[in-house]
C-alpha cells in the first residue's frame, strides 16, 4: 500500500512540474505561479508533519526514561 501511494504521489509531482513548464511556455504565468504555490504549501505541510512526528517521539522518549529511572532507583 505504501509503495502504491508513493508512486501515485511521485506521478502527480511529475505532472505538476510538467504543467508548470507548460504554463510558462504558453505564457500563462498566473497558473504557473499558482501551481508553484501549491507545491510550496504541500512541501511546507510535509515538513510540519515530520517536525510534529519528531517532537511527539522525543516527548514520549523523555517521559519513558523518567519512569524507568523512578522504578530502578
N, C-alpha and C. Protein backbone atom coordinates (compact mmCIF):
# COMPACT_ATOMS: atom_id res chain seq x y z
N UNK A 1 0.83 -1.19 0.00
CA UNK A 1 0.00 0.00 0.00
C UNK A 1 0.87 1.26 0.00
N UNK A 2 1.95 1.21 0.79
CA UNK A 2 2.82 2.37 0.88
C UNK A 2 3.52 2.64 -0.46
N UNK A 3 3.92 1.56 -1.15
CA UNK A 3 4.57 1.73 -2.46
C UNK A 3 3.61 2.34 -3.48
N UNK A 4 2.36 1.91 -3.43
CA UNK A 4 1.38 2.41 -4.39
C UNK A 4 1.14 3.90 -4.17
N UNK A 5 0.97 4.31 -2.91
CA UNK A 5 0.76 5.72 -2.62
C UNK A 5 1.98 6.56 -2.99
N UNK A 6 3.18 6.01 -2.78
CA UNK A 6 4.40 6.72 -3.14
C UNK A 6 4.47 6.92 -4.65
N UNK A 7 4.12 5.88 -5.41
CA UNK A 7 4.16 6.00 -6.87
C UNK A 7 3.13 7.00 -7.37
N UNK A 8 1.95 7.00 -6.77
CA UNK A 8 0.92 7.97 -7.15
C UNK A 8 1.39 9.39 -6.85
N UNK A 9 1.98 9.59 -5.69
CA UNK A 9 2.47 10.92 -5.30
C UNK A 9 3.58 11.39 -6.25
N UNK A 10 4.50 10.51 -6.59
CA UNK A 10 5.58 10.89 -7.50
C UNK A 10 5.05 11.20 -8.90
N UNK A 11 4.05 10.45 -9.35
CA UNK A 11 3.44 10.71 -10.66
C UNK A 11 2.75 12.08 -10.66
N UNK A 12 2.00 12.38 -9.60
CA UNK A 12 1.34 13.69 -9.52
C UNK A 12 2.37 14.82 -9.45
N UNK A 13 3.46 14.60 -8.73
CA UNK A 13 4.51 15.61 -8.64
C UNK A 13 5.13 15.86 -10.02
N UNK A 14 5.36 14.79 -10.76
CA UNK A 14 5.91 14.93 -12.11
C UNK A 14 4.94 15.68 -13.01
N UNK A 15 3.64 15.37 -12.92
CA UNK A 15 2.65 16.07 -13.73
C UNK A 15 2.58 17.55 -13.38
N UNK A 16 2.73 17.88 -12.11
CA UNK A 16 2.69 19.29 -11.71
C UNK A 16 3.90 20.03 -12.27
N UNK A 17 5.08 19.40 -12.23
CA UNK A 17 6.26 20.04 -12.81
C UNK A 17 6.09 20.24 -14.32
N UNK A 18 5.55 19.25 -14.98
CA UNK A 18 5.30 19.39 -16.42
C UNK A 18 4.29 20.50 -16.68
N UNK A 19 3.25 20.58 -15.86
CA UNK A 19 2.24 21.62 -16.02
C UNK A 19 2.83 23.01 -15.79
N UNK A 20 3.75 23.13 -14.83
CA UNK A 20 4.39 24.43 -14.59
C UNK A 20 5.19 24.87 -15.81
N UNK A 21 5.98 23.96 -16.34
CA UNK A 21 6.79 24.28 -17.53
C UNK A 21 5.88 24.62 -18.71
N UNK A 22 4.83 23.86 -18.87
CA UNK A 22 3.91 24.12 -19.97
C UNK A 22 3.20 25.47 -19.81
N UNK A 23 2.83 25.81 -18.59
CA UNK A 23 2.19 27.11 -18.35
C UNK A 23 3.14 28.27 -18.65
N UNK A 24 4.40 28.13 -18.28
CA UNK A 24 5.36 29.18 -18.61
C UNK A 24 5.56 29.26 -20.12
N UNK A 25 5.58 28.12 -20.79
CA UNK A 25 5.76 28.11 -22.25
C UNK A 25 4.59 28.78 -22.96
N UNK A 26 3.39 28.58 -22.44
CA UNK A 26 2.19 29.14 -23.05
C UNK A 26 1.84 30.55 -22.53
N UNK A 27 2.75 31.15 -21.77
CA UNK A 27 2.57 32.49 -21.21
C UNK A 27 1.39 32.59 -20.27
N UNK A 28 1.11 31.54 -19.54
CA UNK A 28 0.06 31.52 -18.52
C UNK A 28 0.73 31.60 -17.15
N UNK A 29 1.29 32.76 -16.87
CA UNK A 29 2.10 32.91 -15.67
C UNK A 29 1.30 32.78 -14.38
N UNK A 30 0.06 33.23 -14.39
CA UNK A 30 -0.76 33.14 -13.18
C UNK A 30 -0.97 31.69 -12.77
N UNK A 31 -1.28 30.84 -13.73
CA UNK A 31 -1.47 29.42 -13.41
C UNK A 31 -0.16 28.77 -12.96
N UNK A 32 0.93 29.14 -13.61
CA UNK A 32 2.22 28.57 -13.25
C UNK A 32 2.61 28.94 -11.82
N UNK A 33 2.45 30.20 -11.48
CA UNK A 33 2.79 30.61 -10.11
C UNK A 33 1.82 30.01 -9.10
N UNK A 34 0.58 29.83 -9.50
CA UNK A 34 -0.38 29.15 -8.63
C UNK A 34 0.04 27.71 -8.34
N UNK A 35 0.50 27.00 -9.37
CA UNK A 35 0.98 25.63 -9.18
C UNK A 35 2.24 25.59 -8.31
N UNK A 36 3.09 26.59 -8.47
CA UNK A 36 4.29 26.67 -7.63
C UNK A 36 3.88 26.87 -6.17
N UNK A 37 2.88 27.70 -5.94
CA UNK A 37 2.40 27.91 -4.57
C UNK A 37 1.79 26.63 -4.00
N UNK A 38 1.09 25.86 -4.83
CA UNK A 38 0.54 24.58 -4.36
C UNK A 38 1.68 23.66 -3.94
N UNK A 39 2.73 23.59 -4.75
CA UNK A 39 3.89 22.76 -4.38
C UNK A 39 4.52 23.23 -3.09
N UNK A 40 4.65 24.54 -2.94
CA UNK A 40 5.24 25.09 -1.72
C UNK A 40 4.40 24.73 -0.50
N UNK A 41 3.09 24.85 -0.61
CA UNK A 41 2.21 24.53 0.51
C UNK A 41 2.29 23.04 0.85
N UNK A 42 2.34 22.18 -0.16
CA UNK A 42 2.44 20.74 0.09
C UNK A 42 3.74 20.40 0.79
N UNK A 43 4.86 20.94 0.30
CA UNK A 43 6.15 20.64 0.93
C UNK A 43 6.26 21.23 2.32
N UNK A 44 5.70 22.41 2.53
CA UNK A 44 5.71 23.00 3.87
C UNK A 44 4.87 22.17 4.83
N UNK A 45 3.74 21.68 4.36
CA UNK A 45 2.90 20.82 5.19
C UNK A 45 3.60 19.52 5.54
N UNK A 46 4.30 18.94 4.59
CA UNK A 46 5.05 17.71 4.87
C UNK A 46 6.14 17.96 5.91
N UNK A 47 6.79 19.11 5.82
CA UNK A 47 7.81 19.46 6.80
C UNK A 47 7.24 19.63 8.19
N UNK A 48 6.08 20.26 8.27
CA UNK A 48 5.45 20.45 9.57
C UNK A 48 5.00 19.12 10.17
N UNK A 49 4.51 18.21 9.33
CA UNK A 49 4.11 16.90 9.83
C UNK A 49 5.30 16.10 10.35
N UNK A 50 6.42 16.17 9.64
CA UNK A 50 7.60 15.44 10.11
C UNK A 50 8.15 16.07 11.39
N UNK A 51 8.08 17.39 11.51
CA UNK A 51 8.52 18.06 12.74
C UNK A 51 7.63 17.65 13.91
N UNK A 52 6.32 17.61 13.68
CA UNK A 52 5.39 17.21 14.73
C UNK A 52 5.63 15.76 15.15
N UNK A 53 5.88 14.89 14.18
CA UNK A 53 6.15 13.48 14.49
C UNK A 53 7.43 13.34 15.31
N UNK A 54 8.45 14.12 14.96
CA UNK A 54 9.70 14.10 15.70
C UNK A 54 9.52 14.60 17.12
N UNK A 55 8.76 15.68 17.30
CA UNK A 55 8.53 16.22 18.63
C UNK A 55 7.73 15.24 19.49
N UNK A 56 6.77 14.55 18.89
CA UNK A 56 5.99 13.56 19.63
C UNK A 56 6.88 12.40 20.07
N UNK A 57 7.76 11.96 19.18
CA UNK A 57 8.69 10.88 19.52
C UNK A 57 9.61 11.28 20.67
N UNK A 58 10.14 12.49 20.60
CA UNK A 58 11.05 12.94 21.66
C UNK A 58 10.31 13.10 22.99
N UNK A 59 9.07 13.56 22.97
CA UNK A 59 8.28 13.69 24.19
C UNK A 59 8.06 12.33 24.84
N UNK A 60 7.68 11.34 24.04
CA UNK A 60 7.46 10.00 24.58
C UNK A 60 8.77 9.39 25.07
N UNK A 61 9.85 9.65 24.36
CA UNK A 61 11.15 9.09 24.75
C UNK A 61 11.59 9.67 26.09
N UNK A 62 11.42 10.96 26.27
CA UNK A 62 11.83 11.58 27.54
C UNK A 62 10.95 11.13 28.70
N UNK A 63 9.67 10.96 28.47
CA UNK A 63 8.78 10.52 29.53
C UNK A 63 9.03 9.08 29.93
N UNK A 64 9.38 8.23 28.98
CA UNK A 64 9.67 6.84 29.31
C UNK A 64 10.94 6.73 30.14
N UNK A 65 11.94 7.56 29.84
CA UNK A 65 13.19 7.47 30.59
C UNK A 65 13.00 7.92 32.04
N UNK A 66 12.11 8.90 32.29
CA UNK A 66 11.86 9.32 33.66
C UNK A 66 11.19 8.22 34.46
N UNK A 67 10.24 7.53 33.88
CA UNK A 67 9.57 6.42 34.58
C UNK A 67 10.56 5.31 34.85
N UNK A 68 11.43 5.03 33.92
CA UNK A 68 12.40 3.96 34.10
C UNK A 68 13.34 4.28 35.26
N UNK A 69 13.80 5.51 35.33
CA UNK A 69 14.70 5.90 36.42
C UNK A 69 14.00 5.86 37.76
N UNK A 70 12.72 6.20 37.84
CA UNK A 70 11.97 6.14 39.08
C UNK A 70 11.87 4.71 39.61
N UNK A 71 11.67 3.78 38.73
CA UNK A 71 11.50 2.38 39.18
C UNK A 71 12.82 1.69 39.47
N UNK A 72 13.91 2.13 38.89
CA UNK A 72 15.19 1.45 39.09
C UNK A 72 15.98 2.00 40.26
N UNK A 73 15.59 3.11 40.82
CA UNK A 73 16.37 3.68 41.94
C UNK A 73 15.91 3.14 43.25
